[in-house]
C-alpha cells in the first residue's frame, strides 16, 4: 500500500477522502503514541488482523511503576545516545507493550500486522519475529540496520508510509 488514498468521486459525484487501511491504522497508533510517558520519544503500536485491532501499546514504564515524565530519564542524565544501551531505560517499547498486552489478554499475534509510528529496534524485531507477526507498517524510520536485516531474513515486510 502506498499511503493516503487520493480523493475520488463516488457514483453520486460526492468526494470521498477515506484513507486506505494502512493509513487508517497508522493514524490510530499515532493517537496511541500520545499516551507515551517517555521524555525522549513518543511511540505507538497496534496489532491488526483481518482489519480488526487486536491490541495497542505505547512506550513507557511498566504498570504500577513511576513514569519517566515524573521522575526523569536515566538515559538523558547519562547522555546515552538514541538506539544504545536499551537496558538503561525504565520503559518498555511500544512494540514490546503491544505484544505483552496481547499475551496478557489471550490474543493470538500469529499472522498479524504491526502498525508502529517508528521502525522497530533490534530488540523489538526479535520479539516481532517470534510473535509470528508477518508484516510491519511504519510512519517514521529509525536507523537500526541489524533490525532491518533480521526482519528481512525472517520474511517480514516493512512498509513505510
N, C-alpha and C. Protein backbone atom coordinates (compact mmCIF):
# COMPACT_ATOMS: atom_id res chain seq x y z
N UNK A 1 0.84 -1.17 0.00
CA UNK A 1 0.00 0.00 0.00
C UNK A 1 0.89 1.24 0.00
N UNK A 2 0.39 2.32 -0.49
CA UNK A 2 1.22 3.49 -0.67
C UNK A 2 0.67 4.74 -0.01
N UNK A 3 0.07 4.64 1.13
CA UNK A 3 -0.33 5.84 1.84
C UNK A 3 -1.75 6.26 1.56
N UNK A 4 -1.98 7.54 1.79
CA UNK A 4 -3.34 8.07 1.72
C UNK A 4 -3.94 7.93 0.33
N UNK A 5 -5.19 7.57 0.34
CA UNK A 5 -5.93 7.42 -0.91
C UNK A 5 -6.23 8.81 -1.48
N UNK A 6 -6.06 8.95 -2.76
CA UNK A 6 -6.39 10.21 -3.41
C UNK A 6 -7.90 10.41 -3.37
N UNK A 7 -8.31 11.66 -3.33
CA UNK A 7 -9.74 11.95 -3.32
C UNK A 7 -10.36 11.45 -4.62
N UNK A 8 -11.46 10.74 -4.48
CA UNK A 8 -12.19 10.24 -5.65
C UNK A 8 -13.65 10.63 -5.49
N UNK A 9 -14.38 10.49 -6.56
CA UNK A 9 -15.82 10.79 -6.50
C UNK A 9 -16.60 9.48 -6.57
N UNK A 10 -17.65 9.40 -5.75
CA UNK A 10 -18.49 8.22 -5.78
C UNK A 10 -19.51 8.34 -6.92
N UNK A 11 -20.43 7.38 -7.02
CA UNK A 11 -21.39 7.34 -8.12
C UNK A 11 -22.32 8.55 -8.13
N UNK A 12 -22.44 9.25 -7.00
CA UNK A 12 -23.30 10.44 -6.93
C UNK A 12 -22.50 11.73 -7.06
N UNK A 13 -21.19 11.60 -7.35
CA UNK A 13 -20.35 12.77 -7.54
C UNK A 13 -19.81 13.36 -6.25
N UNK A 14 -20.07 12.70 -5.12
CA UNK A 14 -19.59 13.19 -3.84
C UNK A 14 -18.12 12.80 -3.67
N UNK A 15 -17.30 13.73 -3.17
CA UNK A 15 -15.87 13.45 -2.97
C UNK A 15 -15.68 12.53 -1.77
N UNK A 16 -14.82 11.53 -1.97
CA UNK A 16 -14.52 10.53 -0.94
C UNK A 16 -13.04 10.67 -0.55
N UNK A 17 -12.79 11.08 0.69
CA UNK A 17 -11.42 11.24 1.19
C UNK A 17 -11.05 10.16 2.19
N UNK A 18 -11.66 8.99 2.09
CA UNK A 18 -11.38 7.91 3.04
C UNK A 18 -9.93 7.45 2.91
N UNK A 19 -9.25 7.29 4.05
CA UNK A 19 -7.87 6.77 3.98
C UNK A 19 -7.89 5.28 3.67
N UNK A 20 -6.81 4.80 3.08
CA UNK A 20 -6.69 3.35 2.91
C UNK A 20 -6.47 2.73 4.29
N UNK A 21 -6.54 1.40 4.37
CA UNK A 21 -6.47 0.71 5.67
C UNK A 21 -5.15 0.97 6.39
N UNK A 22 -4.04 0.94 5.67
CA UNK A 22 -2.75 1.16 6.33
C UNK A 22 -2.67 2.55 6.94
N UNK A 23 -3.11 3.55 6.21
CA UNK A 23 -3.11 4.92 6.73
C UNK A 23 -4.04 5.04 7.93
N UNK A 24 -5.20 4.42 7.84
CA UNK A 24 -6.18 4.42 8.93
C UNK A 24 -5.57 3.89 10.23
N UNK A 25 -4.92 2.71 10.15
CA UNK A 25 -4.35 2.12 11.36
C UNK A 25 -3.12 2.89 11.84
N UNK A 26 -2.33 3.45 10.91
CA UNK A 26 -1.20 4.29 11.34
C UNK A 26 -1.69 5.55 12.05
N UNK A 27 -2.78 6.12 11.56
CA UNK A 27 -3.35 7.28 12.24
C UNK A 27 -3.79 6.93 13.66
N UNK A 28 -4.34 5.75 13.84
CA UNK A 28 -4.77 5.31 15.17
C UNK A 28 -3.56 5.16 16.10
N UNK A 29 -2.48 4.53 15.63
CA UNK A 29 -1.32 4.35 16.52
C UNK A 29 -0.62 5.68 16.79
N UNK A 30 -0.81 6.64 15.92
CA UNK A 30 -0.29 7.99 16.19
C UNK A 30 -0.99 8.56 17.43
N UNK A 31 -2.29 8.35 17.54
CA UNK A 31 -3.04 8.78 18.73
C UNK A 31 -2.59 7.98 19.95
N UNK A 32 -2.40 6.67 19.78
CA UNK A 32 -1.93 5.82 20.88
C UNK A 32 -0.59 6.35 21.42
N UNK A 33 0.27 6.83 20.54
CA UNK A 33 1.59 7.32 20.95
C UNK A 33 1.49 8.51 21.91
N UNK A 34 0.38 9.21 21.89
CA UNK A 34 0.20 10.36 22.78
C UNK A 34 0.07 9.95 24.25
N UNK A 35 -0.12 8.64 24.51
CA UNK A 35 -0.15 8.12 25.89
C UNK A 35 1.25 7.84 26.42
N UNK A 36 2.26 7.95 25.58
CA UNK A 36 3.64 7.66 25.97
C UNK A 36 4.04 8.47 27.20
N UNK A 37 4.85 7.83 28.05
CA UNK A 37 5.38 8.54 29.21
C UNK A 37 6.90 8.70 29.10
N UNK A 38 7.43 8.50 27.92
CA UNK A 38 8.86 8.66 27.66
C UNK A 38 9.15 10.14 27.39
N UNK A 39 10.25 10.63 27.96
CA UNK A 39 10.63 12.03 27.77
C UNK A 39 11.35 12.26 26.45
N UNK A 40 11.82 11.18 25.80
CA UNK A 40 12.66 11.33 24.61
C UNK A 40 11.93 11.10 23.29
N UNK A 41 10.98 10.17 23.29
CA UNK A 41 10.31 9.83 22.04
C UNK A 41 8.95 9.20 22.37
N UNK A 42 7.93 9.63 21.68
CA UNK A 42 6.59 9.05 21.85
C UNK A 42 6.33 8.08 20.70
N UNK A 43 6.08 6.82 21.05
CA UNK A 43 5.87 5.78 20.05
C UNK A 43 4.57 5.04 20.37
N UNK A 44 3.80 4.77 19.34
CA UNK A 44 2.59 3.98 19.48
C UNK A 44 2.65 2.78 18.55
N UNK A 45 1.96 1.70 18.94
CA UNK A 45 1.94 0.48 18.14
C UNK A 45 0.57 -0.17 18.25
N UNK A 46 0.21 -0.91 17.22
CA UNK A 46 -1.04 -1.66 17.24
C UNK A 46 -0.89 -2.93 16.43
N UNK A 47 -1.53 -3.99 16.90
CA UNK A 47 -1.57 -5.25 16.16
C UNK A 47 -2.95 -5.38 15.53
N UNK A 48 -2.95 -5.75 14.25
CA UNK A 48 -4.19 -5.84 13.49
C UNK A 48 -4.20 -7.14 12.70
N UNK A 49 -5.34 -7.79 12.69
CA UNK A 49 -5.54 -8.96 11.83
C UNK A 49 -6.96 -8.86 11.29
N UNK A 50 -7.10 -9.14 10.00
CA UNK A 50 -8.42 -9.08 9.34
C UNK A 50 -9.09 -7.73 9.58
N UNK A 51 -8.32 -6.67 9.51
CA UNK A 51 -8.82 -5.29 9.68
C UNK A 51 -9.47 -5.04 11.03
N UNK A 52 -9.03 -5.78 12.04
CA UNK A 52 -9.53 -5.63 13.40
C UNK A 52 -8.34 -5.40 14.34
N UNK A 53 -8.47 -4.42 15.21
CA UNK A 53 -7.41 -4.13 16.17
C UNK A 53 -7.41 -5.19 17.26
N UNK A 54 -6.26 -5.82 17.45
CA UNK A 54 -6.10 -6.86 18.47
C UNK A 54 -5.62 -6.28 19.80
N UNK A 55 -4.70 -5.33 19.73
CA UNK A 55 -4.13 -4.72 20.93
C UNK A 55 -3.38 -3.46 20.51
N UNK A 56 -3.17 -2.57 21.48
CA UNK A 56 -2.35 -1.38 21.25
C UNK A 56 -1.34 -1.26 22.37
N UNK A 57 -0.30 -0.49 22.13
CA UNK A 57 0.71 -0.26 23.14
C UNK A 57 1.47 1.03 22.86
N UNK A 58 2.02 1.59 23.89
CA UNK A 58 2.86 2.79 23.74
C UNK A 58 4.07 2.60 24.64
N UNK A 59 5.08 3.44 24.46
CA UNK A 59 6.30 3.29 25.25
C UNK A 59 6.17 4.02 26.59
N UNK A 60 6.66 3.34 27.61
CA UNK A 60 6.62 3.91 28.95
C UNK A 60 6.95 2.85 29.99
N UNK A 61 7.00 3.29 31.23
CA UNK A 61 7.35 2.39 32.34
C UNK A 61 6.29 1.31 32.52
N UNK A 62 6.68 0.15 33.05
CA UNK A 62 5.71 -0.91 33.33
C UNK A 62 4.61 -0.42 34.28
N UNK A 63 3.47 -1.09 34.21
CA UNK A 63 2.34 -0.77 35.08
C UNK A 63 2.78 -0.71 36.54
N UNK A 64 2.24 0.23 37.26
CA UNK A 64 2.44 0.42 38.71
C UNK A 64 3.80 1.02 39.05
N UNK A 65 4.65 1.30 38.05
CA UNK A 65 5.93 1.97 38.31
C UNK A 65 5.81 3.45 37.95
N UNK A 66 6.66 4.25 38.57
CA UNK A 66 6.66 5.68 38.29
C UNK A 66 7.11 5.92 36.84
N UNK A 67 6.52 6.93 36.24
CA UNK A 67 6.82 7.27 34.85
C UNK A 67 8.03 8.19 34.76
N UNK A 68 8.74 8.07 33.68
CA UNK A 68 9.90 8.93 33.43
C UNK A 68 9.49 10.40 33.37
N UNK A 69 8.28 10.67 32.92
CA UNK A 69 7.80 12.05 32.92
C UNK A 69 7.79 12.63 34.33
N UNK A 70 7.60 11.76 35.33
CA UNK A 70 7.52 12.20 36.72
C UNK A 70 8.86 12.20 37.44
N UNK A 71 9.72 11.23 37.12
CA UNK A 71 10.97 11.09 37.90
C UNK A 71 12.23 11.39 37.08
N UNK A 72 12.08 11.66 35.80
CA UNK A 72 13.24 11.95 34.97
C UNK A 72 13.71 10.73 34.20
N UNK A 73 14.62 10.95 33.31
CA UNK A 73 15.12 9.91 32.40
C UNK A 73 16.59 9.63 32.69
N UNK A 74 16.87 8.40 33.08
CA UNK A 74 18.25 7.99 33.36
C UNK A 74 19.13 8.13 32.12
N UNK A 75 18.57 7.77 30.97
CA UNK A 75 19.35 7.84 29.72
C UNK A 75 19.73 9.30 29.40
N UNK A 76 18.83 10.24 29.67
CA UNK A 76 19.14 11.66 29.48
C UNK A 76 20.24 12.08 30.45
N UNK A 77 20.12 11.67 31.72
CA UNK A 77 21.09 12.04 32.74
C UNK A 77 22.49 11.52 32.41
N UNK A 78 22.55 10.33 31.78
CA UNK A 78 23.84 9.72 31.43
C UNK A 78 24.29 10.06 30.01
N UNK A 79 23.51 10.88 29.31
CA UNK A 79 23.81 11.27 27.92
C UNK A 79 23.97 10.06 27.00
N UNK A 80 23.09 9.07 27.15
CA UNK A 80 23.13 7.88 26.31
C UNK A 80 22.47 8.21 24.97
N UNK A 81 23.17 8.00 23.86
CA UNK A 81 22.59 8.30 22.55
C UNK A 81 21.40 7.39 22.23
N UNK A 82 20.52 7.89 21.39
CA UNK A 82 19.37 7.11 20.93
C UNK A 82 19.85 5.82 20.29
N UNK A 83 19.15 4.72 20.59
CA UNK A 83 19.48 3.44 19.97
C UNK A 83 20.55 2.63 20.69
N UNK A 84 21.09 3.18 21.77
CA UNK A 84 22.14 2.48 22.52
C UNK A 84 21.71 2.22 23.94
N UNK A 85 22.26 1.14 24.53
CA UNK A 85 22.10 0.82 25.95
C UNK A 85 20.63 0.81 26.40
N UNK A 86 19.81 0.05 25.67
CA UNK A 86 18.38 -0.04 25.97
C UNK A 86 18.12 -0.50 27.41
N UNK A 87 19.06 -1.25 27.98
CA UNK A 87 18.86 -1.77 29.33
C UNK A 87 18.87 -0.66 30.39
N UNK A 88 19.32 0.52 30.02
CA UNK A 88 19.35 1.65 30.96
C UNK A 88 18.08 2.49 30.89
N UNK A 89 17.00 1.86 30.56
CA UNK A 89 15.72 2.57 30.41
C UNK A 89 14.65 1.88 31.25
N UNK A 90 13.85 2.63 31.97
CA UNK A 90 12.75 2.08 32.76
C UNK A 90 11.61 1.62 31.86
N UNK A 91 11.55 2.17 30.67
CA UNK A 91 10.38 1.97 29.82
C UNK A 91 10.45 0.73 28.94
N UNK A 92 9.26 0.30 28.57
CA UNK A 92 9.08 -0.71 27.53
C UNK A 92 8.85 0.01 26.22
N UNK A 93 9.28 -0.59 25.13
CA UNK A 93 8.98 -0.03 23.82
C UNK A 93 7.53 -0.33 23.47
N UNK A 94 6.95 0.47 22.62
CA UNK A 94 5.55 0.30 22.22
C UNK A 94 5.32 -1.08 21.62
N UNK A 95 6.27 -1.57 20.82
CA UNK A 95 6.15 -2.89 20.21
C UNK A 95 6.14 -3.99 21.26
N UNK A 96 6.99 -3.85 22.27
CA UNK A 96 7.01 -4.81 23.37
C UNK A 96 5.68 -4.77 24.11
N UNK A 97 5.20 -3.56 24.38
CA UNK A 97 3.96 -3.41 25.12
C UNK A 97 2.76 -3.99 24.38
N UNK A 98 2.70 -3.82 23.06
CA UNK A 98 1.55 -4.34 22.32
C UNK A 98 1.56 -5.87 22.31
N UNK A 99 2.74 -6.47 22.20
CA UNK A 99 2.84 -7.94 22.25
C UNK A 99 2.48 -8.44 23.65
N UNK A 100 2.95 -7.75 24.68
CA UNK A 100 2.62 -8.13 26.06
C UNK A 100 1.13 -7.99 26.32
N UNK A 101 0.53 -6.92 25.84
CA UNK A 101 -0.92 -6.73 26.04
C UNK A 101 -1.71 -7.84 25.37
N UNK A 102 -1.29 -8.22 24.18
CA UNK A 102 -1.97 -9.33 23.50
C UNK A 102 -1.85 -10.61 24.33
N UNK A 103 -0.65 -10.90 24.83
CA UNK A 103 -0.44 -12.11 25.63
C UNK A 103 -1.25 -12.06 26.92
N UNK A 104 -1.25 -10.91 27.57
CA UNK A 104 -1.97 -10.74 28.83
C UNK A 104 -3.46 -11.02 28.69
N UNK A 105 -4.00 -10.70 27.52
CA UNK A 105 -5.44 -10.86 27.29
C UNK A 105 -5.77 -12.06 26.41
N UNK A 106 -4.79 -12.94 26.18
CA UNK A 106 -5.04 -14.18 25.45
C UNK A 106 -5.32 -13.98 23.97
N UNK A 107 -4.71 -12.97 23.37
CA UNK A 107 -4.92 -12.67 21.95
C UNK A 107 -3.77 -13.24 21.14
N UNK A 108 -4.09 -13.99 20.12
CA UNK A 108 -3.07 -14.60 19.26
C UNK A 108 -2.49 -13.55 18.32
N UNK A 109 -1.16 -13.44 18.29
CA UNK A 109 -0.48 -12.47 17.44
C UNK A 109 -0.08 -13.05 16.08
N UNK A 110 -0.06 -14.35 15.97
CA UNK A 110 0.39 -15.01 14.74
C UNK A 110 -0.44 -14.54 13.55
N UNK A 111 0.27 -14.15 12.49
CA UNK A 111 -0.39 -13.74 11.26
C UNK A 111 -0.86 -12.29 11.25
N UNK A 112 -0.51 -11.54 12.28
CA UNK A 112 -0.99 -10.16 12.36
C UNK A 112 -0.02 -9.18 11.70
N UNK A 113 -0.50 -7.95 11.54
CA UNK A 113 0.31 -6.84 11.06
C UNK A 113 0.55 -5.90 12.22
N UNK A 114 1.80 -5.45 12.37
CA UNK A 114 2.14 -4.47 13.38
C UNK A 114 2.17 -3.09 12.72
N UNK A 115 1.40 -2.17 13.26
CA UNK A 115 1.44 -0.78 12.85
C UNK A 115 2.19 -0.03 13.93
N UNK A 116 3.17 0.77 13.53
CA UNK A 116 4.00 1.45 14.51
C UNK A 116 4.43 2.81 13.98
N UNK A 117 4.51 3.78 14.88
CA UNK A 117 4.92 5.12 14.46
C UNK A 117 6.38 5.15 14.03
N UNK A 118 7.19 4.20 14.49
CA UNK A 118 8.61 4.14 14.14
C UNK A 118 9.02 2.73 13.78
N UNK A 119 10.10 2.61 13.01
CA UNK A 119 10.65 1.28 12.71
C UNK A 119 11.14 0.65 14.00
N UNK A 120 10.88 -0.62 14.22
CA UNK A 120 11.33 -1.29 15.45
C UNK A 120 12.86 -1.40 15.54
N UNK A 121 13.34 -1.40 16.78
CA UNK A 121 14.76 -1.64 17.05
C UNK A 121 15.02 -3.15 16.97
N UNK A 122 16.26 -3.55 17.13
CA UNK A 122 16.62 -4.96 17.03
C UNK A 122 15.99 -5.80 18.14
N UNK A 123 15.90 -5.25 19.34
CA UNK A 123 15.27 -6.00 20.44
C UNK A 123 13.82 -6.30 20.11
N UNK A 124 13.11 -5.29 19.64
CA UNK A 124 11.70 -5.47 19.28
C UNK A 124 11.56 -6.37 18.05
N UNK A 125 12.49 -6.24 17.10
CA UNK A 125 12.44 -7.07 15.89
C UNK A 125 12.47 -8.55 16.25
N UNK A 126 13.31 -8.91 17.21
CA UNK A 126 13.39 -10.32 17.62
C UNK A 126 12.07 -10.78 18.24
N UNK A 127 11.44 -9.93 19.04
CA UNK A 127 10.15 -10.28 19.63
C UNK A 127 9.07 -10.40 18.55
N UNK A 128 9.10 -9.49 17.59
CA UNK A 128 8.12 -9.50 16.50
C UNK A 128 8.24 -10.79 15.70
N UNK A 129 9.46 -11.19 15.40
CA UNK A 129 9.68 -12.43 14.65
C UNK A 129 9.09 -13.61 15.40
N UNK A 130 9.41 -13.73 16.68
CA UNK A 130 8.93 -14.88 17.46
C UNK A 130 7.45 -14.80 17.78
N UNK A 131 6.84 -13.63 17.70
CA UNK A 131 5.41 -13.49 17.95
C UNK A 131 4.58 -13.88 16.72
N UNK A 132 5.25 -14.17 15.60
CA UNK A 132 4.53 -14.60 14.40
C UNK A 132 3.90 -13.46 13.61
N UNK A 133 4.35 -12.25 13.87
CA UNK A 133 3.86 -11.09 13.12
C UNK A 133 4.44 -11.17 11.72
N UNK A 134 3.62 -10.94 10.70
CA UNK A 134 4.06 -11.20 9.32
C UNK A 134 4.33 -9.93 8.51
N UNK A 135 3.93 -8.78 9.03
CA UNK A 135 4.04 -7.55 8.25
C UNK A 135 4.12 -6.38 9.22
N UNK A 136 4.91 -5.37 8.85
CA UNK A 136 5.04 -4.17 9.68
C UNK A 136 4.82 -2.96 8.79
N UNK A 137 4.00 -2.04 9.27
CA UNK A 137 3.77 -0.77 8.56
C UNK A 137 4.18 0.34 9.52
N UNK A 138 5.10 1.20 9.06
CA UNK A 138 5.63 2.27 9.91
C UNK A 138 5.41 3.63 9.26
N UNK A 139 5.45 4.65 10.08
CA UNK A 139 5.38 6.01 9.57
C UNK A 139 6.78 6.61 9.47
N UNK A 140 7.57 6.49 10.53
CA UNK A 140 8.90 7.11 10.57
C UNK A 140 9.99 6.05 10.67
N UNK A 141 11.12 6.37 10.08
CA UNK A 141 12.26 5.47 10.10
C UNK A 141 12.96 5.56 11.45
N UNK A 142 13.77 4.58 11.76
CA UNK A 142 14.62 4.55 12.95
C UNK A 142 15.81 3.71 12.53
N UNK A 143 16.95 4.31 12.52
CA UNK A 143 18.12 3.64 11.96
C UNK A 143 18.60 2.50 12.85
N UNK A 144 18.31 1.28 12.42
CA UNK A 144 18.82 0.09 13.10
C UNK A 144 19.00 -0.98 12.03
N UNK A 145 20.17 -0.96 11.37
CA UNK A 145 20.42 -1.89 10.25
C UNK A 145 20.27 -3.36 10.63
N UNK A 146 20.68 -3.75 11.85
CA UNK A 146 20.56 -5.14 12.24
C UNK A 146 19.09 -5.55 12.35
N UNK A 147 18.24 -4.66 12.88
CA UNK A 147 16.81 -4.95 12.95
C UNK A 147 16.24 -5.14 11.54
N UNK A 148 16.59 -4.25 10.63
CA UNK A 148 16.10 -4.35 9.25
C UNK A 148 16.56 -5.66 8.61
N UNK A 149 17.82 -6.03 8.83
CA UNK A 149 18.35 -7.27 8.25
C UNK A 149 17.62 -8.49 8.81
N UNK A 150 17.40 -8.51 10.12
CA UNK A 150 16.75 -9.67 10.74
C UNK A 150 15.30 -9.80 10.28
N UNK A 151 14.60 -8.68 10.18
CA UNK A 151 13.21 -8.72 9.71
C UNK A 151 13.14 -9.21 8.27
N UNK A 152 14.07 -8.75 7.45
CA UNK A 152 14.12 -9.20 6.05
C UNK A 152 14.42 -10.70 5.98
N UNK A 153 15.39 -11.15 6.76
CA UNK A 153 15.75 -12.57 6.77
C UNK A 153 14.57 -13.44 7.22
N UNK A 154 13.75 -12.91 8.12
CA UNK A 154 12.58 -13.65 8.62
C UNK A 154 11.39 -13.57 7.66
N UNK A 155 11.56 -12.81 6.59
CA UNK A 155 10.48 -12.69 5.60
C UNK A 155 9.36 -11.75 6.01
N UNK A 156 9.65 -10.84 6.92
CA UNK A 156 8.65 -9.87 7.37
C UNK A 156 8.85 -8.58 6.59
N UNK A 157 7.83 -8.18 5.85
CA UNK A 157 7.94 -6.95 5.06
C UNK A 157 7.73 -5.75 5.97
N UNK A 158 8.53 -4.71 5.73
CA UNK A 158 8.39 -3.45 6.44
C UNK A 158 8.06 -2.40 5.40
N UNK A 159 6.91 -1.78 5.57
CA UNK A 159 6.43 -0.77 4.63
C UNK A 159 6.37 0.57 5.33
N UNK A 160 7.03 1.58 4.75
CA UNK A 160 6.98 2.91 5.34
C UNK A 160 6.05 3.78 4.52
N UNK A 161 5.07 4.38 5.20
CA UNK A 161 4.14 5.30 4.52
C UNK A 161 4.53 6.73 4.80
